[in-house]
Amino acid sequence: HKRHGFPVIAADGTVKGLIRRRMLEKEIMAVEAEYRQQNGPNAQAPRDTPVYLVRIMEYNDVTVPVTIPVDRAFLLFKKLEMRHLVAVNDRNEPVAVLTRHFFLPVRITHMILEQEEQGVGQTVLADAAVQDLGFQGRENLAVDGGYL
């Protein structure tokens, strides 16, 4: 997957960017190394040591509105080789993280056939599965304007 990582959520609850897992791991290792340099080779940085995310965050993250038709969201997800796609409301607040599970081929085929029958495109928001994929608390998100 070319695009995968963690959404960065500002204190106001809006999506600000994306942090790739590898970049986050490198930054955490750098913070730990700096802490050991200042406090001795066996010192461990406290778990609540802030990690400054702004310098490693990608600002051109890809999100989709919850009103996007599922087939269009799927095409974007597939074309960009994403692992997670954040669906946002009209205030750019995250509503759900769409994964491969959401876009199962059988399910997509079913939705497309349903859309053709109804003459209306199914949207991400209209799909009941969004409830299952929604955020289950903020523990999976970076919060407070760039600090984890």
C-alpha atoms as a PDB file:
ATOM      1  CA  HIS A   1       0.000   0.000   0.000  1.00  0.00           C
ATOM      2  CA  LYS A   2       1.400   3.342  -0.990  1.00  0.00           C
ATOM      3  CA  ARG A   3      -0.738   5.476   1.309  1.00  0.00           C
ATOM      4  CA  HIS A   4      -1.233   4.307   4.824  1.00  0.00           C
ATOM      5  CA  GLY A   5      -0.842   5.915   8.153  1.00  0.00           C
ATOM      6  CA  PHE A   6      -2.738   7.681  10.869  1.00  0.00           C
ATOM      7  CA  PRO A   7      -5.023  10.683  10.462  1.00  0.00           C
ATOM      8  CA  VAL A   8      -3.982  13.745  12.447  1.00  0.00           C
ATOM      9  CA  ILE A   9      -6.918  15.415  14.130  1.00  0.00           C
ATOM     10  CA  ALA A  10      -6.681  18.989  15.421  1.00  0.00           C
ATOM     11  CA  ALA A  11      -8.122  20.149  18.732  1.00  0.00           C
ATOM     12  CA  ASP A  12     -11.206  21.407  16.853  1.00  0.00           C
ATOM     13  CA  GLY A  13     -11.900  17.854  15.638  1.00  0.00           C
ATOM     14  CA  THR A  14     -11.003  18.395  11.975  1.00  0.00           C
ATOM     15  CA  VAL A  15      -8.675  16.252   9.882  1.00  0.00           C
ATOM     16  CA  LYS A  16      -5.389  18.088   9.319  1.00  0.00           C
ATOM     17  CA  GLY A  17      -3.178  15.528   7.647  1.00  0.00           C
ATOM     18  CA  LEU A  18      -1.730  12.061   7.674  1.00  0.00           C
ATOM     19  CA  ILE A  19       1.299  10.572   9.399  1.00  0.00           C
ATOM     20  CA  ARG A  20       2.854   7.537   7.819  1.00  0.00           C
ATOM     21  CA  ARG A  21       3.660   4.703  10.193  1.00  0.00           C
ATOM     22  CA  ARG A  22       7.332   4.590   9.209  1.00  0.00           C
ATOM     23  CA  MET A  23       7.785   8.337   9.730  1.00  0.00           C
ATOM     24  CA  LEU A  24       6.064   8.142  13.121  1.00  0.00           C
ATOM     25  CA  GLU A  25       8.308   5.255  14.180  1.00  0.00           C
ATOM     26  CA  LYS A  26      11.431   7.196  13.108  1.00  0.00           C
ATOM     27  CA  GLU A  27      10.282  10.286  14.981  1.00  0.00           C
ATOM     28  CA  ILE A  28       9.601   8.295  18.156  1.00  0.00           C
ATOM     29  CA  MET A  29      13.041   6.671  17.897  1.00  0.00           C
ATOM     30  CA  ALA A  30      14.638  10.121  17.460  1.00  0.00           C
ATOM     31  CA  VAL A  31      12.827  11.445  20.554  1.00  0.00           C
ATOM     32  CA  GLU A  32      13.965   8.417  22.561  1.00  0.00           C
ATOM     33  CA  ALA A  33      17.576   8.805  21.336  1.00  0.00           C
ATOM     34  CA  GLU A  34      17.585  12.494  22.280  1.00  0.00           C
ATOM     35  CA  TYR A  35      16.198  11.639  25.721  1.00  0.00           C
ATOM     36  CA  ARG A  36      18.940   9.011  26.268  1.00  0.00           C
ATOM     37  CA  GLN A  37      21.598  11.483  25.127  1.00  0.00           C
ATOM     38  CA  GLN A  38      20.400  14.019  27.708  1.00  0.00           C
ATOM     39  CA  ASN A  39      19.676  11.563  30.561  1.00  0.00           C
ATOM     40  CA  GLY A  40      22.093   8.675  30.144  1.00  0.00           C
ATOM     41  CA  PRO A  41      22.309   5.624  27.876  1.00  0.00           C
ATOM     42  CA  ASN A  42      19.878   3.506  29.927  1.00  0.00           C
ATOM     43  CA  ALA A  43      17.249   6.214  30.422  1.00  0.00           C
ATOM     44  CA  GLN A  44      13.809   5.674  28.914  1.00  0.00           C
ATOM     45  CA  ALA A  45      11.654   8.547  27.790  1.00  0.00           C
ATOM     46  CA  PRO A  46       8.353   8.754  29.693  1.00  0.00           C
ATOM     47  CA  ARG A  47       5.347   7.504  27.724  1.00  0.00           C
ATOM     48  CA  ASP A  48       3.803  10.967  27.804  1.00  0.00           C
ATOM     49  CA  THR A  49       6.813  12.613  26.127  1.00  0.00           C
ATOM     50  CA  PRO A  50       5.357  14.744  23.328  1.00  0.00           C
ATOM     51  CA  VAL A  51       6.221  13.929  19.730  1.00  0.00           C
ATOM     52  CA  TYR A  52       6.055  16.945  17.446  1.00  0.00           C
ATOM     53  CA  LEU A  53       4.107  15.784  14.406  1.00  0.00           C
ATOM     54  CA  VAL A  54       3.892  18.913  12.284  1.00  0.00           C
ATOM     55  CA  ARG A  55       7.280  18.418  10.633  1.00  0.00           C
ATOM     56  CA  ILE A  56       6.505  14.841   9.543  1.00  0.00           C
ATOM     57  CA  MET A  57       2.809  15.204   8.751  1.00  0.00           C
ATOM     58  CA  GLU A  58       1.581  15.079   5.165  1.00  0.00           C
ATOM     59  CA  TYR A  59      -0.886  17.878   4.570  1.00  0.00           C
ATOM     60  CA  ASN A  60      -2.206  16.595   1.265  1.00  0.00           C
ATOM     61  CA  ASP A  61      -4.023  13.673   2.835  1.00  0.00           C
ATOM     62  CA  VAL A  62      -6.911  12.145   0.964  1.00  0.00           C
ATOM     63  CA  THR A  63     -10.331  12.210   2.564  1.00  0.00           C
ATOM     64  CA  VAL A  64     -13.761  11.704   1.081  1.00  0.00           C
ATOM     65  CA  PRO A  65     -17.055  13.279   2.046  1.00  0.00           C
ATOM     66  CA  VAL A  66     -19.565  10.880   3.565  1.00  0.00           C
ATOM     67  CA  THR A  67     -21.891  11.775   0.698  1.00  0.00           C
ATOM     68  CA  ILE A  68     -19.593  10.337  -2.006  1.00  0.00           C
ATOM     69  CA  PRO A  69     -20.997   7.364  -3.904  1.00  0.00           C
ATOM     70  CA  VAL A  70     -19.438   4.122  -2.673  1.00  0.00           C
ATOM     71  CA  ASP A  71     -18.237   3.120  -6.138  1.00  0.00           C
ATOM     72  CA  ARG A  72     -16.317   6.423  -6.497  1.00  0.00           C
ATOM     73  CA  ALA A  73     -14.777   6.039  -3.040  1.00  0.00           C
ATOM     74  CA  PHE A  74     -13.746   2.510  -4.002  1.00  0.00           C
ATOM     75  CA  LEU A  75     -12.099   3.687  -7.227  1.00  0.00           C
ATOM     76  CA  LEU A  76     -10.107   6.309  -5.298  1.00  0.00           C
ATOM     77  CA  PHE A  77      -9.162   3.767  -2.623  1.00  0.00           C
ATOM     78  CA  LYS A  78      -7.968   1.310  -5.259  1.00  0.00           C
ATOM     79  CA  LYS A  79      -6.227   3.781  -7.580  1.00  0.00           C
ATOM     80  CA  LEU A  80      -4.205   5.363  -4.780  1.00  0.00           C
ATOM     81  CA  GLU A  81      -3.457   1.943  -3.250  1.00  0.00           C
ATOM     82  CA  MET A  82      -4.719   3.078   0.128  1.00  0.00           C
ATOM     83  CA  ARG A  83      -5.022   1.033   3.260  1.00  0.00           C
ATOM     84  CA  HIS A  84      -7.410   3.394   5.038  1.00  0.00           C
ATOM     85  CA  LEU A  85      -9.615   6.130   3.664  1.00  0.00           C
ATOM     86  CA  VAL A  86     -11.059   8.682   6.074  1.00  0.00           C
ATOM     87  CA  ALA A  87     -14.653   9.735   5.429  1.00  0.00           C
ATOM     88  CA  VAL A  88     -15.437  13.219   6.748  1.00  0.00           C
ATOM     89  CA  ASN A  89     -18.601  15.235   7.300  1.00  0.00           C
ATOM     90  CA  ASP A  90     -19.202  18.727   5.914  1.00  0.00           C
ATOM     91  CA  ARG A  91     -17.095  20.227   8.739  1.00  0.00           C
ATOM     92  CA  ASN A  92     -14.092  18.014   7.813  1.00  0.00           C
ATOM     93  CA  GLU A  93     -14.547  15.973  10.990  1.00  0.00           C
ATOM     94  CA  PRO A  94     -13.801  12.242  10.679  1.00  0.00           C
ATOM     95  CA  VAL A  95     -16.870  10.026  10.644  1.00  0.00           C
ATOM     96  CA  ALA A  96     -15.382   6.691   9.580  1.00  0.00           C
ATOM     97  CA  VAL A  97     -12.236   4.970   8.414  1.00  0.00           C
ATOM     98  CA  LEU A  98     -12.947   2.904   5.328  1.00  0.00           C
ATOM     99  CA  THR A  99     -10.832  -0.220   4.888  1.00  0.00           C
ATOM    100  CA  ARG A 100     -10.616  -3.174   2.528  1.00  0.00           C
ATOM    101  CA  HIS A 101     -13.296  -4.853   4.610  1.00  0.00           C
ATOM    102  CA  PHE A 102     -15.694  -2.060   3.717  1.00  0.00           C
ATOM    103  CA  PHE A 103     -14.901  -2.478   0.030  1.00  0.00           C
ATOM    104  CA  LEU A 104     -15.290  -6.255  -0.281  1.00  0.00           C
ATOM    105  CA  PRO A 105     -15.743  -7.099  -3.987  1.00  0.00           C
ATOM    106  CA  VAL A 106     -18.971  -9.016  -3.444  1.00  0.00           C
ATOM    107  CA  ARG A 107     -20.362  -6.152  -1.455  1.00  0.00           C
ATOM    108  CA  ILE A 108     -19.381  -3.586  -4.071  1.00  0.00           C
ATOM    109  CA  THR A 109     -21.015  -5.640  -6.818  1.00  0.00           C
ATOM    110  CA  HIS A 110     -24.162  -5.890  -4.736  1.00  0.00           C
ATOM    111  CA  MET A 111     -24.198  -2.147  -4.045  1.00  0.00           C
ATOM    112  CA  ILE A 112     -23.662  -1.264  -7.691  1.00  0.00           C
ATOM    113  CA  LEU A 113     -26.499  -3.554  -8.775  1.00  0.00           C
ATOM    114  CA  GLU A 114     -28.685  -2.034  -6.082  1.00  0.00           C
ATOM    115  CA  GLN A 115     -27.822   1.463  -7.274  1.00  0.00           C
ATOM    116  CA  GLU A 116     -28.777   0.595 -10.834  1.00  0.00           C
ATOM    117  CA  GLU A 117     -32.121  -0.773  -9.656  1.00  0.00           C
ATOM    118  CA  GLN A 118     -32.840   2.277  -7.518  1.00  0.00           C
ATOM    119  CA  GLY A 119     -31.395   4.725 -10.007  1.00  0.00           C
ATOM    120  CA  VAL A 120     -29.512   6.411  -7.176  1.00  0.00           C
ATOM    121  CA  GLY A 121     -25.886   6.088  -6.133  1.00  0.00           C
ATOM    122  CA  GLN A 122     -25.314   4.626  -2.690  1.00  0.00           C
ATOM    123  CA  THR A 123     -23.240   6.974  -0.555  1.00  0.00           C
ATOM    124  CA  VAL A 124     -20.763   6.154   2.156  1.00  0.00           C
ATOM    125  CA  LEU A 125     -23.013   7.822   4.734  1.00  0.00           C
ATOM    126  CA  ALA A 126     -26.073   5.902   3.606  1.00  0.00           C
ATOM    127  CA  ASP A 127     -24.330   2.572   4.114  1.00  0.00           C
ATOM    128  CA  ALA A 128     -25.139   1.171   7.555  1.00  0.00           C
ATOM    129  CA  ALA A 129     -21.643  -0.351   7.786  1.00  0.00           C
ATOM    130  CA  VAL A 130     -20.219   3.108   8.484  1.00  0.00           C
ATOM    131  CA  GLN A 131     -21.526   2.656  12.006  1.00  0.00           C
ATOM    132  CA  ASP A 132     -19.294  -0.402  12.406  1.00  0.00           C
ATOM    133  CA  LEU A 133     -16.250   1.328  10.946  1.00  0.00           C
ATOM    134  CA  GLY A 134     -16.643   4.605  12.815  1.00  0.00           C
ATOM    135  CA  PHE A 135     -14.101   5.837  15.298  1.00  0.00           C
ATOM    136  CA  GLN A 136     -14.357   4.044  18.607  1.00  0.00           C
ATOM    137  CA  GLY A 137     -12.907   6.883  20.613  1.00  0.00           C
ATOM    138  CA  ARG A 138      -9.942   9.080  19.850  1.00  0.00           C
ATOM    139  CA  GLU A 139      -7.289   6.576  20.979  1.00  0.00           C
ATOM    140  CA  ASN A 140      -6.380   5.763  17.364  1.00  0.00           C
ATOM    141  CA  LEU A 141      -5.946   9.377  16.355  1.00  0.00           C
ATOM    142  CA  ALA A 142      -3.285  11.986  16.801  1.00  0.00           C
ATOM    143  CA  VAL A 143      -4.917  14.936  18.555  1.00  0.00           C
ATOM    144  CA  ASP A 144      -4.396  18.476  19.805  1.00  0.00           C
ATOM    145  CA  GLY A 145      -2.948  20.224  16.810  1.00  0.00           C
ATOM    146  CA  GLY A 146      -0.030  17.975  16.012  1.00  0.00           C
ATOM    147  CA  TYR A 147       0.975  16.343  19.273  1.00  0.00           C
ATOM    148  CA  LEU A 148       0.548  12.699  20.088  1.00  0.00           C
END
